[in-house]
C-alpha atoms as a PDB file:
ATOM      1  CA  MET A   1       0.000   0.000   0.000  1.00  0.00           C
ATOM      2  CA  LYS A   2       1.260   3.467  -0.871  1.00  0.00           C
ATOM      3  CA  VAL A   3       1.716   5.619   2.251  1.00  0.00           C
ATOM      4  CA  VAL A   4       2.850   9.251   2.184  1.00  0.00           C
ATOM      5  CA  HIS A   5       3.563  11.431   5.229  1.00  0.00           C
ATOM      6  CA  SER A   6       3.519  15.140   4.445  1.00  0.00           C
ATOM      7  CA  ARG A   7       3.138  18.539   6.074  1.00  0.00           C
ATOM      8  CA  ILE A   8       0.938  21.406   4.884  1.00  0.00           C
ATOM      9  CA  TYR A   9       1.502  24.939   6.110  1.00  0.00           C
ATOM     10  CA  SER A  10      -1.513  26.776   7.518  1.00  0.00           C
ATOM     11  CA  PRO A  11      -1.084  30.576   7.663  1.00  0.00           C
ATOM     12  CA  ALA A  12      -4.212  30.817   9.841  1.00  0.00           C
ATOM     13  CA  ILE A  13      -2.854  28.417  12.469  1.00  0.00           C
ATOM     14  CA  GLY A  14       0.733  29.567  12.002  1.00  0.00           C
ATOM     15  CA  ARG A  15       2.413  26.200  11.619  1.00  0.00           C
ATOM     16  CA  HIS A  16       2.660  23.091   9.468  1.00  0.00           C
ATOM     17  CA  MET A  17       0.027  20.393   9.904  1.00  0.00           C
ATOM     18  CA  TRP A  18       0.740  16.698   9.389  1.00  0.00           C
ATOM     19  CA  VAL A  19      -1.286  14.763   6.821  1.00  0.00           C
ATOM     20  CA  ASN A  20      -0.892  11.057   6.027  1.00  0.00           C
ATOM     21  CA  SER A  21      -2.288   9.598   2.822  1.00  0.00           C
ATOM     22  CA  TYR A  22      -2.985   5.911   2.226  1.00  0.00           C
ATOM     23  CA  GLY A  23      -3.647   4.233  -1.107  1.00  0.00           C
ATOM     24  CA  HIS A  24      -2.918   5.146  -4.707  1.00  0.00           C
ATOM     25  CA  TYR A  25      -6.334   5.784  -6.272  1.00  0.00           C
ATOM     26  CA  GLY A  26     -10.058   5.826  -5.581  1.00  0.00           C
ATOM     27  CA  MET A  27     -12.610   8.014  -3.859  1.00  0.00           C
ATOM     28  CA  PRO A  28     -10.788  10.619  -1.751  1.00  0.00           C
ATOM     29  CA  LEU A  29     -11.836  10.538   1.891  1.00  0.00           C
ATOM     30  CA  LEU A  30     -10.655  13.128   4.410  1.00  0.00           C
ATOM     31  CA  ALA A  31     -10.510  11.692   7.933  1.00  0.00           C
ATOM     32  CA  PHE A  32     -10.540  13.782  11.100  1.00  0.00           C
ATOM     33  CA  PRO A  33      -9.061  12.125  14.209  1.00  0.00           C
ATOM     34  CA  SER A  34     -10.759  11.424  17.506  1.00  0.00           C
ATOM     35  CA  ALA A  35     -10.403  13.945  20.336  1.00  0.00           C
ATOM     36  CA  GLY A  36      -6.803  15.082  20.722  1.00  0.00           C
ATOM     37  CA  GLY A  37      -5.559  12.769  17.963  1.00  0.00           C
ATOM     38  CA  GLY A  38      -2.930  13.365  15.325  1.00  0.00           C
ATOM     39  CA  ALA A  39      -2.474  12.303  11.727  1.00  0.00           C
ATOM     40  CA  ASN A  40      -1.574   8.778  12.912  1.00  0.00           C
ATOM     41  CA  ASP A  41      -4.816   8.406  14.890  1.00  0.00           C
ATOM     42  CA  TRP A  42      -6.669   6.231  12.389  1.00  0.00           C
ATOM     43  CA  GLU A  43      -3.617   4.050  11.784  1.00  0.00           C
ATOM     44  CA  ARG A  44      -3.061   3.508  15.516  1.00  0.00           C
ATOM     45  CA  GLY A  45      -6.734   2.618  15.872  1.00  0.00           C
ATOM     46  CA  GLY A  46      -6.361  -0.159  13.292  1.00  0.00           C
ATOM     47  CA  MET A  47      -8.491   1.597  10.701  1.00  0.00           C
ATOM     48  CA  ILE A  48      -5.888   1.472   7.911  1.00  0.00           C
ATOM     49  CA  GLU A  49      -5.522  -2.272   8.279  1.00  0.00           C
ATOM     50  CA  ALA A  50      -9.305  -2.678   8.374  1.00  0.00           C
ATOM     51  CA  LEU A  51      -9.756  -0.613   5.198  1.00  0.00           C
ATOM     52  CA  ALA A  52      -6.822  -2.206   3.367  1.00  0.00           C
ATOM     53  CA  PRO A  53      -9.016  -4.050   0.813  1.00  0.00           C
ATOM     54  CA  PHE A  54     -10.512  -0.731  -0.330  1.00  0.00           C
ATOM     55  CA  LEU A  55      -7.132   1.031  -0.322  1.00  0.00           C
ATOM     56  CA  GLU A  56      -5.120  -1.682  -2.060  1.00  0.00           C
ATOM     57  CA  HIS A  57      -7.670  -2.232  -4.837  1.00  0.00           C
ATOM     58  CA  GLY A  58      -7.956   1.423  -5.822  1.00  0.00           C
ATOM     59  CA  LYS A  59     -11.429   1.969  -4.411  1.00  0.00           C
ATOM     60  CA  LEU A  60     -10.422   4.499  -1.754  1.00  0.00           C
ATOM     61  CA  LYS A  61      -7.668   7.008  -1.076  1.00  0.00           C
ATOM     62  CA  LEU A  62      -7.589   8.127   2.551  1.00  0.00           C
ATOM     63  CA  TYR A  63      -6.195  11.426   3.846  1.00  0.00           C
ATOM     64  CA  CYS A  64      -5.742  11.550   7.628  1.00  0.00           C
ATOM     65  CA  THR A  65      -5.144  15.035   8.935  1.00  0.00           C
ATOM     66  CA  GLU A  66      -3.712  16.183  12.220  1.00  0.00           C
ATOM     67  CA  GLY A  67      -6.306  17.392  14.700  1.00  0.00           C
ATOM     68  CA  PHE A  68      -6.304  20.677  16.584  1.00  0.00           C
ATOM     69  CA  ASP A  69      -8.793  19.916  19.353  1.00  0.00           C
ATOM     70  CA  ARG A  70      -6.157  19.639  22.056  1.00  0.00           C
ATOM     71  CA  ASP A  71      -5.528  23.363  21.628  1.00  0.00           C
ATOM     72  CA  THR A  72      -9.175  24.367  21.188  1.00  0.00           C
ATOM     73  CA  LEU A  73     -12.157  22.222  22.149  1.00  0.00           C
ATOM     74  CA  LEU A  74     -10.276  20.275  24.828  1.00  0.00           C
ATOM     75  CA  ASP A  75      -8.590  23.270  26.456  1.00  0.00           C
ATOM     76  CA  ASP A  76     -11.207  24.168  29.061  1.00  0.00           C
ATOM     77  CA  GLU A  77      -8.901  26.661  30.772  1.00  0.00           C
ATOM     78  CA  ALA A  78      -8.335  28.831  27.696  1.00  0.00           C
ATOM     79  CA  ASN A  79     -10.234  32.018  26.905  1.00  0.00           C
ATOM     80  CA  GLY A  80     -13.445  31.344  24.974  1.00  0.00           C
ATOM     81  CA  ASN A  81     -12.765  33.964  22.304  1.00  0.00           C
ATOM     82  CA  TRP A  82      -9.335  32.489  21.677  1.00  0.00           C
ATOM     83  CA  ARG A  83     -10.704  28.942  21.507  1.00  0.00           C
ATOM     84  CA  ILE A  84     -13.337  29.766  18.906  1.00  0.00           C
ATOM     85  CA  ALA A  85     -10.782  31.816  16.945  1.00  0.00           C
ATOM     86  CA  MET A  86      -8.625  28.698  16.749  1.00  0.00           C
ATOM     87  CA  VAL A  87     -11.645  26.615  15.662  1.00  0.00           C
ATOM     88  CA  ARG A  88     -12.073  29.107  12.816  1.00  0.00           C
ATOM     89  CA  ALA A  89      -8.349  28.894  12.026  1.00  0.00           C
ATOM     90  CA  TYR A  90      -8.596  25.112  11.763  1.00  0.00           C
ATOM     91  CA  GLU A  91     -11.551  25.446   9.395  1.00  0.00           C
ATOM     92  CA  ASP A  92      -9.512  27.897   7.312  1.00  0.00           C
ATOM     93  CA  TYR A  93      -6.737  25.302   7.107  1.00  0.00           C
ATOM     94  CA  VAL A  94      -9.194  22.653   5.907  1.00  0.00           C
ATOM     95  CA  PHE A  95     -10.852  24.761   3.204  1.00  0.00           C
ATOM     96  CA  ASN A  96      -7.905  26.846   2.015  1.00  0.00           C
ATOM     97  CA  ASN A  97      -4.906  24.534   2.444  1.00  0.00           C
ATOM     98  CA  LEU A  98      -5.941  20.915   2.903  1.00  0.00           C
ATOM     99  CA  VAL A  99      -8.679  20.681   0.248  1.00  0.00           C
ATOM    100  CA  PRO A 100      -6.465  22.236  -2.475  1.00  0.00           C
ATOM    101  CA  ALA A 101      -3.644  19.841  -1.495  1.00  0.00           C
ATOM    102  CA  ILE A 102      -5.956  16.812  -1.774  1.00  0.00           C
ATOM    103  CA  ARG A 103      -7.252  17.980  -5.151  1.00  0.00           C
ATOM    104  CA  PHE A 104      -3.699  18.576  -6.378  1.00  0.00           C
ATOM    105  CA  ASP A 105      -2.723  15.085  -5.249  1.00  0.00           C
ATOM    106  CA  CYS A 106      -5.758  13.662  -7.078  1.00  0.00           C
ATOM    107  CA  ARG A 107      -4.854  15.725 -10.177  1.00  0.00           C
ATOM    108  CA  ASN A 108      -8.385  17.056 -10.300  1.00  0.00           C
ATOM    109  CA  ASP A 109      -9.163  20.618  -9.248  1.00  0.00           C
ATOM    110  CA  ASP A 110     -12.889  19.947  -9.003  1.00  0.00           C
ATOM    111  CA  ILE A 111     -13.048  16.484  -7.455  1.00  0.00           C
ATOM    112  CA  ARG A 112     -15.503  16.156  -4.608  1.00  0.00           C
ATOM    113  CA  ILE A 113     -14.279  14.618  -1.370  1.00  0.00           C
ATOM    114  CA  ALA A 114     -15.927  12.373   1.191  1.00  0.00           C
ATOM    115  CA  VAL A 115     -15.273  13.279   4.821  1.00  0.00           C
ATOM    116  CA  SER A 116     -15.371  11.364   8.073  1.00  0.00           C
ATOM    117  CA  GLY A 117     -14.602  11.925  11.717  1.00  0.00           C
ATOM    118  CA  ILE A 118     -14.659  10.116  15.027  1.00  0.00           C
ATOM    119  CA  SER A 119     -15.898  11.601  18.313  1.00  0.00           C
ATOM    120  CA  SER A 120     -15.064  15.337  18.184  1.00  0.00           C
ATOM    121  CA  GLY A 121     -13.729  14.650  14.693  1.00  0.00           C
ATOM    122  CA  GLY A 122     -17.324  13.877  13.781  1.00  0.00           C
ATOM    123  CA  TYR A 123     -18.160  17.493  14.626  1.00  0.00           C
ATOM    124  CA  HIS A 124     -15.549  18.768  12.157  1.00  0.00           C
ATOM    125  CA  ALA A 125     -16.719  16.355   9.452  1.00  0.00           C
ATOM    126  CA  ALA A 126     -20.394  17.284   9.779  1.00  0.00           C
ATOM    127  CA  LYS A 127     -19.641  20.993   9.980  1.00  0.00           C
ATOM    128  CA  VAL A 128     -17.554  21.196   6.805  1.00  0.00           C
ATOM    129  CA  ALA A 129     -20.000  18.934   4.945  1.00  0.00           C
ATOM    130  CA  LEU A 130     -22.943  21.155   5.869  1.00  0.00           C
ATOM    131  CA  LYS A 131     -21.077  24.379   5.114  1.00  0.00           C
ATOM    132  CA  ARG A 132     -19.560  23.248   1.806  1.00  0.00           C
ATOM    133  CA  PRO A 133     -21.429  20.232   0.443  1.00  0.00           C
ATOM    134  CA  ASP A 134     -20.227  21.263  -3.012  1.00  0.00           C
ATOM    135  CA  ILE A 135     -16.788  20.104  -1.829  1.00  0.00           C
ATOM    136  CA  PHE A 136     -17.722  17.349   0.629  1.00  0.00           C
ATOM    137  CA  HIS A 137     -20.429  15.258  -1.033  1.00  0.00           C
ATOM    138  CA  TRP A 138     -20.694  12.605   1.688  1.00  0.00           C
ATOM    139  CA  CYS A 139     -20.059  12.746   5.420  1.00  0.00           C
ATOM    140  CA  ILE A 140     -19.858   9.724   7.689  1.00  0.00           C
ATOM    141  CA  GLY A 141     -19.739  10.659  11.366  1.00  0.00           C
ATOM    142  CA  LEU A 142     -18.849   7.979  13.913  1.00  0.00           C
ATOM    143  CA  SER A 143     -19.899   8.563  17.532  1.00  0.00           C
ATOM    144  CA  GLY A 144     -19.888  12.262  16.780  1.00  0.00           C
ATOM    145  CA  LYS A 145     -20.020  15.098  19.281  1.00  0.00           C
ATOM    146  CA  TYR A 146     -21.966  17.681  17.314  1.00  0.00           C
ATOM    147  CA  ASP A 147     -23.021  20.302  19.878  1.00  0.00           C
ATOM    148  CA  LEU A 148     -20.322  22.974  19.807  1.00  0.00           C
ATOM    149  CA  GLY A 149     -22.103  24.977  22.502  1.00  0.00           C
ATOM    150  CA  ARG A 150     -21.634  22.091  24.925  1.00  0.00           C
ATOM    151  CA  LEU A 151     -18.010  21.603  23.870  1.00  0.00           C
ATOM    152  CA  MET A 152     -17.385  25.293  24.547  1.00  0.00           C
ATOM    153  CA  ASN A 153     -18.707  24.866  28.114  1.00  0.00           C
ATOM    154  CA  GLY A 154     -21.376  27.515  27.794  1.00  0.00           C
ATOM    155  CA  PHE A 155     -19.273  30.205  26.126  1.00  0.00           C
ATOM    156  CA  TYR A 156     -21.295  31.691  23.285  1.00  0.00           C
ATOM    157  CA  SER A 157     -20.686  34.263  20.568  1.00  0.00           C
ATOM    158  CA  GLU A 158     -21.523  34.933  16.935  1.00  0.00           C
ATOM    159  CA  ASP A 159     -18.485  32.873  15.920  1.00  0.00           C
ATOM    160  CA  VAL A 160     -19.704  29.934  17.995  1.00  0.00           C
ATOM    161  CA  TYR A 161     -23.084  30.180  16.251  1.00  0.00           C
ATOM    162  CA  PHE A 162     -21.526  30.088  12.776  1.00  0.00           C
ATOM    163  CA  ASN A 163     -19.429  27.045  13.704  1.00  0.00           C
ATOM    164  CA  ASP A 164     -22.175  25.077  15.460  1.00  0.00           C
ATOM    165  CA  PRO A 165     -24.149  22.872  13.020  1.00  0.00           C
ATOM    166  CA  MET A 166     -26.897  22.509  15.625  1.00  0.00           C
ATOM    167  CA  ALA A 167     -27.336  26.285  15.379  1.00  0.00           C
ATOM    168  CA  PHE A 168     -26.612  27.447  11.852  1.00  0.00           C
ATOM    169  CA  VAL A 169     -28.464  24.609  10.082  1.00  0.00           C
ATOM    170  CA  SER A 170     -31.597  25.569  12.015  1.00  0.00           C
ATOM    171  CA  ASN A 171     -31.707  28.795  10.017  1.00  0.00           C
ATOM    172  CA  TYR A 172     -31.024  27.352   6.560  1.00  0.00           C
ATOM    173  CA  HIS A 173     -33.859  28.370   4.254  1.00  0.00           C
ATOM    174  CA  GLY A 174     -34.696  29.399   0.709  1.00  0.00           C
ATOM    175  CA  ASP A 175     -32.143  29.024  -2.084  1.00  0.00           C
ATOM    176  CA  HIS A 176     -29.306  28.178   0.275  1.00  0.00           C
ATOM    177  CA  LEU A 177     -31.254  25.347   1.872  1.00  0.00           C
ATOM    178  CA  ASN A 178     -32.149  24.023  -1.586  1.00  0.00           C
ATOM    179  CA  TRP A 179     -28.459  24.163  -2.533  1.00  0.00           C
ATOM    180  CA  VAL A 180     -27.509  22.127   0.568  1.00  0.00           C
ATOM    181  CA  ARG A 181     -30.320  19.652  -0.139  1.00  0.00           C
ATOM    182  CA  HIS A 182     -29.014  19.211  -3.678  1.00  0.00           C
ATOM    183  CA  HIS A 183     -25.414  18.474  -2.680  1.00  0.00           C
ATOM    184  CA  ALA A 184     -25.269  17.030   0.846  1.00  0.00           C
ATOM    185  CA  HIS A 185     -25.657  13.551   2.277  1.00  0.00           C
ATOM    186  CA  LEU A 186     -24.684  12.659   5.838  1.00  0.00           C
ATOM    187  CA  THR A 187     -24.456   9.225   7.418  1.00  0.00           C
ATOM    188  CA  LEU A 188     -24.401   9.550  11.202  1.00  0.00           C
ATOM    189  CA  VAL A 189     -23.514   6.389  13.108  1.00  0.00           C
ATOM    190  CA  VAL A 190     -23.519   5.811  16.856  1.00  0.00           C
ATOM    191  CA  GLY A 191     -23.789   2.928  19.277  1.00  0.00           C
ATOM    192  CA  GLN A 192     -25.889   2.589  22.400  1.00  0.00           C
ATOM    193  CA  GLY A 193     -23.148   0.919  24.429  1.00  0.00           C
ATOM    194  CA  ALA A 194     -20.433   1.970  26.851  1.00  0.00           C
ATOM    195  CA  HIS A 195     -19.049   5.499  26.816  1.00  0.00           C
ATOM    196  CA  GLU A 196     -21.241   6.787  23.986  1.00  0.00           C
ATOM    197  CA  GLY A 197     -22.466   9.407  26.461  1.00  0.00           C
ATOM    198  CA  ASN A 198     -23.569  12.583  24.689  1.00  0.00           C
ATOM    199  CA  CYS A 199     -22.852  11.089  21.270  1.00  0.00           C
ATOM    200  CA  LEU A 200     -26.152   9.182  21.111  1.00  0.00           C
ATOM    201  CA  PRO A 201     -28.531  12.083  21.940  1.00  0.00           C
ATOM    202  CA  GLU A 202     -26.510  14.525  19.833  1.00  0.00           C
ATOM    203  CA  THR A 203     -26.652  12.170  16.846  1.00  0.00           C
ATOM    204  CA  HIS A 204     -30.423  11.981  17.246  1.00  0.00           C
ATOM    205  CA  ARG A 205     -30.680  15.771  17.571  1.00  0.00           C
ATOM    206  CA  LEU A 206     -28.654  16.457  14.443  1.00  0.00           C
ATOM    207  CA  CYS A 207     -30.549  13.813  12.471  1.00  0.00           C
ATOM    208  CA  ASP A 208     -33.855  15.298  13.643  1.00  0.00           C
ATOM    209  CA  LEU A 209     -32.674  18.708  12.462  1.00  0.00           C
ATOM    210  CA  LEU A 210     -31.612  17.338   9.062  1.00  0.00           C
ATOM    211  CA  ALA A 211     -34.957  15.579   8.716  1.00  0.00           C
ATOM    212  CA  ASN A 212     -36.802  18.790   9.572  1.00  0.00           C
ATOM    213  CA  LYS A 213     -34.842  20.651   6.887  1.00  0.00           C
ATOM    214  CA  GLY A 214     -35.194  17.898   4.282  1.00  0.00           C
ATOM    215  CA  ILE A 215     -31.421  17.349   4.043  1.00  0.00           C
ATOM    216  CA  SER A 216     -30.427  13.889   2.844  1.00  0.00           C
ATOM    217  CA  HIS A 217     -29.066  11.736   5.662  1.00  0.00           C
ATOM    218  CA  GLU A 218     -29.016   8.297   7.224  1.00  0.00           C
ATOM    219  CA  ARG A 219     -29.403   7.694  10.955  1.00  0.00           C
ATOM    220  CA  ASP A 220     -27.612   4.441  11.811  1.00  0.00           C
ATOM    221  CA  ILE A 221     -28.009   3.478  15.467  1.00  0.00           C
ATOM    222  CA  TRP A 222     -26.094   0.347  16.510  1.00  0.00           C
ATOM    223  CA  GLY A 223     -26.959  -1.880  19.458  1.00  0.00           C
ATOM    224  CA  HIS A 224     -26.297  -1.766  23.181  1.00  0.00           C
ATOM    225  CA  ASP A 225     -23.063  -3.707  22.680  1.00  0.00           C
ATOM    226  CA  ALA A 226     -21.644  -1.054  20.327  1.00  0.00           C
ATOM    227  CA  ALA A 227     -19.279   1.051  22.434  1.00  0.00           C
ATOM    228  CA  HIS A 228     -17.244   4.227  21.935  1.00  0.00           C
ATOM    229  CA  HIS A 229     -14.241   2.250  20.732  1.00  0.00           C
ATOM    230  CA  TRP A 230     -12.116   1.621  17.656  1.00  0.00           C
ATOM    231  CA  HIS A 231     -13.354  -1.971  17.435  1.00  0.00           C
ATOM    232  CA  TRP A 232     -16.823  -0.663  16.588  1.00  0.00           C
ATOM    233  CA  TRP A 233     -15.688   2.274  14.456  1.00  0.00           C
ATOM    234  CA  ARG A 234     -13.731  -0.124  12.241  1.00  0.00           C
ATOM    235  CA  ARG A 235     -16.797  -2.291  11.770  1.00  0.00           C
ATOM    236  CA  GLN A 236     -18.993   0.718  11.033  1.00  0.00           C
ATOM    237  CA  MET A 237     -16.610   2.134   8.416  1.00  0.00           C
ATOM    238  CA  ILE A 238     -16.261  -1.223   6.671  1.00  0.00           C
ATOM    239  CA  HIS A 239     -20.051  -1.592   6.601  1.00  0.00           C
ATOM    240  CA  HIS A 240     -20.756   1.820   5.098  1.00  0.00           C
ATOM    241  CA  LEU A 241     -17.802   1.949   2.687  1.00  0.00           C
ATOM    242  CA  GLY A 242     -18.690  -1.553   1.532  1.00  0.00           C
ATOM    243  CA  ARG A 243     -22.194  -0.385   0.685  1.00  0.00           C
ATOM    244  CA  ARG A 244     -20.852   2.588  -1.251  1.00  0.00           C
ATOM    245  CA  LEU A 245     -17.741   1.274  -2.985  1.00  0.00           C
ATOM    246  CA  LEU A 246     -18.344  -2.408  -3.722  1.00  0.00           C
END
């Protein structure tokens, strides 16, 4: 399997960000790590090995980016304005640095990209897919934490609103809503087992919101044995990629 470790400079963040790519061809999929994870997060969780059949047979090309949650969403002691400014900086990196790099690597300036994320990475995946479904045509969130207001521990501002899918999607209407309906599809997966905590009710809340707005989505609730763990996330990714790629 072809594996490339690279760094992409983000002017907004002010440093290089690690990105690992796996595979040589296929549908590009951007993967956000679990809370506090780096570009090696999915590999350490066994996901690369689990997805090897898709990667080795040219069905999928996976791009695993470094996370930034340790310095933003997970830093409860930091100033709220600074934290949300860094959330915006990370989004800037994704749209203005990472997406162009993926498209350059795919040799296609217009190729649409699937996106996925685990835990707080699910928040990032759903947010970018709902903001720019013309870029991210399919989102698969695994045990996602989608309520930015809760992650910000009650701090609220206009910037929090515009980065909280639970908030900004509520006000989608008219031509913009029709545009999102035309382009977006989200698959939100969560278990009912150990340590799923807020992930289960937040998955239901976001799916209810998407249903209310008529945005294409799938709500996939696994059983009471399905825990907040890589063992289950691997099984869930194989299931949904198998349905889409085979």
